[in-house]
Amino acid sequence: MDGRFLQLVAASAATDPGRVGYIIPRRAIPLAVDRNRLRRRLREAVRAARPGLERFDVILRVRQPIARLDILAASAEARELLRRALASAP
């Protein structure tokens, strides 16, 4: 699933609970402090969706550069992508 800032890839997990990966390239967010801030917010979004998400392996990837002011919007987008992924899962 694609959003404005993020792409979510989910597949059935081989083991329970599933794994989560974050791809945040340096060219998309140059400062490490901003990359870490986004990663913390993405982890929180995954924790909130965790009960239903445990049967999937998930990758959240930054698609385009994110400004410091857009980190909150990107984390809200992650929550929405996770919600949609859980709703479409069998």
N, C-alpha and C. Protein backbone atom coordinates (compact mmCIF):
# COMPACT_ATOMS: atom_id res chain seq x y z
N MET A 1 0.84 -1.17 0.00
CA MET A 1 0.00 0.00 0.00
C MET A 1 0.88 1.24 0.00
N ASP A 2 0.48 2.20 -0.77
CA ASP A 2 1.25 3.43 -0.85
C ASP A 2 0.46 4.60 -0.28
N GLY A 3 1.18 5.46 0.40
CA GLY A 3 0.64 6.72 0.88
C GLY A 3 1.46 7.85 0.29
N ARG A 4 1.24 9.02 0.76
CA ARG A 4 2.00 10.18 0.27
C ARG A 4 3.48 10.07 0.65
N PHE A 5 3.76 9.73 1.90
CA PHE A 5 5.13 9.67 2.40
C PHE A 5 5.68 8.25 2.50
N LEU A 6 4.81 7.28 2.78
CA LEU A 6 5.25 5.94 3.14
C LEU A 6 4.67 4.88 2.22
N GLN A 7 5.37 3.75 2.19
CA GLN A 7 4.87 2.55 1.52
C GLN A 7 4.85 1.45 2.57
N LEU A 8 3.76 0.68 2.62
CA LEU A 8 3.64 -0.42 3.55
C LEU A 8 3.59 -1.72 2.75
N VAL A 9 4.47 -2.65 3.11
CA VAL A 9 4.48 -3.98 2.50
C VAL A 9 4.24 -4.98 3.62
N ALA A 10 3.23 -5.83 3.44
CA ALA A 10 2.90 -6.82 4.47
C ALA A 10 2.76 -8.19 3.81
N ALA A 11 3.26 -9.20 4.50
CA ALA A 11 3.16 -10.58 4.04
C ALA A 11 2.91 -11.46 5.27
N SER A 12 2.34 -12.61 5.03
CA SER A 12 2.10 -13.54 6.14
C SER A 12 3.43 -13.92 6.79
N ALA A 13 3.44 -13.93 8.08
CA ALA A 13 4.66 -14.24 8.83
C ALA A 13 4.89 -15.74 8.89
N ALA A 14 6.14 -16.14 8.77
CA ALA A 14 6.49 -17.56 8.88
C ALA A 14 6.43 -18.00 10.34
N THR A 15 6.76 -17.10 11.26
CA THR A 15 6.70 -17.40 12.68
C THR A 15 5.84 -16.35 13.36
N ASP A 16 5.33 -16.71 14.51
CA ASP A 16 4.49 -15.78 15.26
C ASP A 16 5.28 -15.27 16.45
N PRO A 17 5.41 -14.03 16.76
CA PRO A 17 4.85 -12.88 16.06
C PRO A 17 5.69 -12.50 14.85
N GLY A 18 5.07 -11.75 13.95
CA GLY A 18 5.75 -11.30 12.74
C GLY A 18 6.79 -10.23 13.05
N ARG A 19 7.61 -9.96 12.06
CA ARG A 19 8.67 -8.97 12.22
C ARG A 19 8.26 -7.66 11.57
N VAL A 20 8.94 -6.58 11.98
CA VAL A 20 8.68 -5.26 11.42
C VAL A 20 10.01 -4.64 11.04
N GLY A 21 10.06 -4.05 9.83
CA GLY A 21 11.26 -3.37 9.37
C GLY A 21 10.94 -1.95 8.96
N TYR A 22 11.90 -1.07 9.14
CA TYR A 22 11.74 0.34 8.80
C TYR A 22 12.86 0.71 7.84
N ILE A 23 12.52 1.28 6.70
CA ILE A 23 13.52 1.74 5.74
C ILE A 23 13.38 3.25 5.64
N ILE A 24 14.39 3.94 6.20
CA ILE A 24 14.39 5.40 6.23
C ILE A 24 15.73 5.87 5.67
N PRO A 25 15.80 6.10 4.36
CA PRO A 25 17.09 6.46 3.76
C PRO A 25 17.57 7.86 4.16
N ARG A 26 18.87 7.99 4.18
CA ARG A 26 19.50 9.26 4.55
C ARG A 26 19.16 10.36 3.55
N ARG A 27 19.00 10.00 2.29
CA ARG A 27 18.68 11.03 1.30
C ARG A 27 17.26 11.58 1.47
N ALA A 28 16.37 10.77 2.09
CA ALA A 28 15.00 11.23 2.33
C ALA A 28 14.92 12.12 3.56
N ILE A 29 15.70 11.78 4.59
CA ILE A 29 15.72 12.57 5.83
C ILE A 29 17.19 12.70 6.22
N PRO A 30 17.83 13.81 5.87
CA PRO A 30 19.29 13.94 6.05
C PRO A 30 19.77 13.89 7.49
N LEU A 31 19.05 14.46 8.43
CA LEU A 31 19.53 14.53 9.80
C LEU A 31 19.13 13.28 10.59
N ALA A 32 20.11 12.71 11.29
CA ALA A 32 19.86 11.49 12.06
C ALA A 32 18.80 11.71 13.14
N VAL A 33 18.79 12.89 13.73
CA VAL A 33 17.81 13.16 14.79
C VAL A 33 16.39 13.08 14.22
N ASP A 34 16.19 13.54 12.99
CA ASP A 34 14.86 13.47 12.36
C ASP A 34 14.52 12.04 11.95
N ARG A 35 15.51 11.29 11.45
CA ARG A 35 15.26 9.88 11.11
C ARG A 35 14.86 9.11 12.36
N ASN A 36 15.56 9.33 13.47
CA ASN A 36 15.23 8.64 14.72
C ASN A 36 13.87 9.06 15.26
N ARG A 37 13.54 10.34 15.12
CA ARG A 37 12.22 10.81 15.57
C ARG A 37 11.11 10.11 14.79
N LEU A 38 11.27 10.01 13.47
CA LEU A 38 10.28 9.31 12.66
C LEU A 38 10.22 7.83 13.02
N ARG A 39 11.37 7.21 13.21
CA ARG A 39 11.40 5.78 13.57
C ARG A 39 10.66 5.53 14.88
N ARG A 40 10.86 6.40 15.87
CA ARG A 40 10.15 6.24 17.15
C ARG A 40 8.64 6.35 16.95
N ARG A 41 8.23 7.29 16.13
CA ARG A 41 6.79 7.46 15.89
C ARG A 41 6.21 6.27 15.11
N LEU A 42 6.98 5.74 14.16
CA LEU A 42 6.51 4.56 13.42
C LEU A 42 6.41 3.35 14.34
N ARG A 43 7.37 3.20 15.23
CA ARG A 43 7.30 2.09 16.20
C ARG A 43 6.06 2.20 17.07
N GLU A 44 5.73 3.39 17.48
CA GLU A 44 4.54 3.59 18.31
C GLU A 44 3.27 3.23 17.52
N ALA A 45 3.21 3.60 16.25
CA ALA A 45 2.06 3.24 15.41
C ALA A 45 1.94 1.73 15.28
N VAL A 46 3.07 1.04 15.12
CA VAL A 46 3.04 -0.42 15.01
C VAL A 46 2.62 -1.04 16.34
N ARG A 47 3.11 -0.50 17.46
CA ARG A 47 2.70 -1.01 18.78
C ARG A 47 1.20 -0.90 18.98
N ALA A 48 0.62 0.20 18.53
CA ALA A 48 -0.82 0.40 18.69
C ALA A 48 -1.62 -0.61 17.85
N ALA A 49 -1.06 -1.02 16.71
CA ALA A 49 -1.76 -1.97 15.84
C ALA A 49 -1.34 -3.41 16.11
N ARG A 50 -0.52 -3.65 17.10
CA ARG A 50 0.13 -4.93 17.32
C ARG A 50 -0.80 -6.13 17.52
N PRO A 51 -1.87 -6.06 18.24
CA PRO A 51 -2.64 -7.30 18.44
C PRO A 51 -3.06 -7.97 17.13
N GLY A 52 -3.49 -7.21 16.15
CA GLY A 52 -3.91 -7.79 14.88
C GLY A 52 -2.78 -7.95 13.90
N LEU A 53 -1.67 -7.32 14.17
CA LEU A 53 -0.55 -7.28 13.23
C LEU A 53 0.44 -8.41 13.43
N GLU A 54 0.29 -9.17 14.49
CA GLU A 54 1.29 -10.18 14.85
C GLU A 54 1.41 -11.31 13.85
N ARG A 55 0.44 -11.50 12.99
CA ARG A 55 0.52 -12.59 12.02
C ARG A 55 1.16 -12.17 10.70
N PHE A 56 1.69 -10.94 10.63
CA PHE A 56 2.30 -10.41 9.42
C PHE A 56 3.74 -9.98 9.64
N ASP A 57 4.54 -10.08 8.58
CA ASP A 57 5.82 -9.40 8.50
C ASP A 57 5.54 -8.10 7.76
N VAL A 58 6.01 -6.99 8.32
CA VAL A 58 5.67 -5.67 7.80
C VAL A 58 6.94 -4.87 7.52
N ILE A 59 6.93 -4.14 6.41
CA ILE A 59 7.99 -3.18 6.11
C ILE A 59 7.33 -1.83 5.88
N LEU A 60 7.82 -0.82 6.58
CA LEU A 60 7.40 0.57 6.35
C LEU A 60 8.59 1.29 5.72
N ARG A 61 8.39 1.80 4.50
CA ARG A 61 9.47 2.44 3.75
C ARG A 61 9.10 3.88 3.42
N VAL A 62 10.05 4.79 3.63
CA VAL A 62 9.85 6.18 3.26
C VAL A 62 9.98 6.30 1.75
N ARG A 63 8.98 6.86 1.10
CA ARG A 63 8.96 6.95 -0.36
C ARG A 63 9.60 8.22 -0.89
N GLN A 64 9.51 9.31 -0.16
CA GLN A 64 10.00 10.60 -0.63
C GLN A 64 10.54 11.39 0.54
N PRO A 65 11.29 12.45 0.27
CA PRO A 65 11.83 13.26 1.37
C PRO A 65 10.72 13.78 2.28
N ILE A 66 11.01 13.76 3.57
CA ILE A 66 10.05 14.24 4.57
C ILE A 66 10.71 15.37 5.35
N ALA A 67 10.06 16.52 5.35
CA ALA A 67 10.57 17.65 6.12
C ALA A 67 10.27 17.43 7.60
N ARG A 68 11.01 18.11 8.44
CA ARG A 68 10.82 17.97 9.89
C ARG A 68 9.36 18.24 10.29
N LEU A 69 8.74 19.21 9.64
CA LEU A 69 7.35 19.55 9.98
C LEU A 69 6.35 18.49 9.54
N ASP A 70 6.75 17.61 8.63
CA ASP A 70 5.85 16.57 8.13
C ASP A 70 5.98 15.23 8.84
N ILE A 71 6.82 15.15 9.85
CA ILE A 71 7.01 13.88 10.57
C ILE A 71 5.71 13.44 11.24
N LEU A 72 4.98 14.37 11.81
CA LEU A 72 3.69 14.01 12.43
C LEU A 72 2.70 13.51 11.39
N ALA A 73 2.68 14.15 10.22
CA ALA A 73 1.78 13.71 9.15
C ALA A 73 2.17 12.32 8.66
N ALA A 74 3.47 12.05 8.58
CA ALA A 74 3.92 10.73 8.15
C ALA A 74 3.55 9.66 9.17
N SER A 75 3.63 9.97 10.46
CA SER A 75 3.25 8.98 11.46
C SER A 75 1.74 8.74 11.45
N ALA A 76 0.96 9.78 11.19
CA ALA A 76 -0.49 9.59 11.06
C ALA A 76 -0.80 8.74 9.82
N GLU A 77 -0.04 8.95 8.76
CA GLU A 77 -0.22 8.14 7.56
C GLU A 77 0.12 6.68 7.84
N ALA A 78 1.14 6.44 8.63
CA ALA A 78 1.51 5.06 8.99
C ALA A 78 0.37 4.39 9.74
N ARG A 79 -0.24 5.09 10.68
CA ARG A 79 -1.37 4.52 11.42
C ARG A 79 -2.51 4.18 10.46
N GLU A 80 -2.77 5.05 9.50
CA GLU A 80 -3.84 4.81 8.53
C GLU A 80 -3.51 3.62 7.62
N LEU A 81 -2.27 3.53 7.15
CA LEU A 81 -1.86 2.40 6.31
C LEU A 81 -1.97 1.08 7.07
N LEU A 82 -1.56 1.08 8.32
CA LEU A 82 -1.67 -0.13 9.14
C LEU A 82 -3.13 -0.51 9.36
N ARG A 83 -3.98 0.48 9.60
CA ARG A 83 -5.41 0.21 9.78
C ARG A 83 -6.01 -0.39 8.52
N ARG A 84 -5.66 0.17 7.36
CA ARG A 84 -6.18 -0.34 6.10
C ARG A 84 -5.67 -1.75 5.82
N ALA A 85 -4.41 -2.01 6.15
CA ALA A 85 -3.84 -3.34 5.93
C ALA A 85 -4.56 -4.37 6.80
N LEU A 86 -4.85 -4.01 8.03
CA LEU A 86 -5.56 -4.95 8.92
C LEU A 86 -7.00 -5.16 8.46
N ALA A 87 -7.62 -4.11 7.94
CA ALA A 87 -9.00 -4.22 7.49
C ALA A 87 -9.11 -5.10 6.24
N SER A 88 -8.10 -5.08 5.38
CA SER A 88 -8.16 -5.86 4.16
C SER A 88 -7.62 -7.28 4.33
N ALA A 89 -7.06 -7.58 5.49
CA ALA A 89 -6.51 -8.92 5.73
C ALA A 89 -7.63 -9.92 5.95
N PRO A 90 -7.44 -11.15 5.48
CA PRO A 90 -8.49 -12.17 5.68
C PRO A 90 -8.59 -12.65 7.11
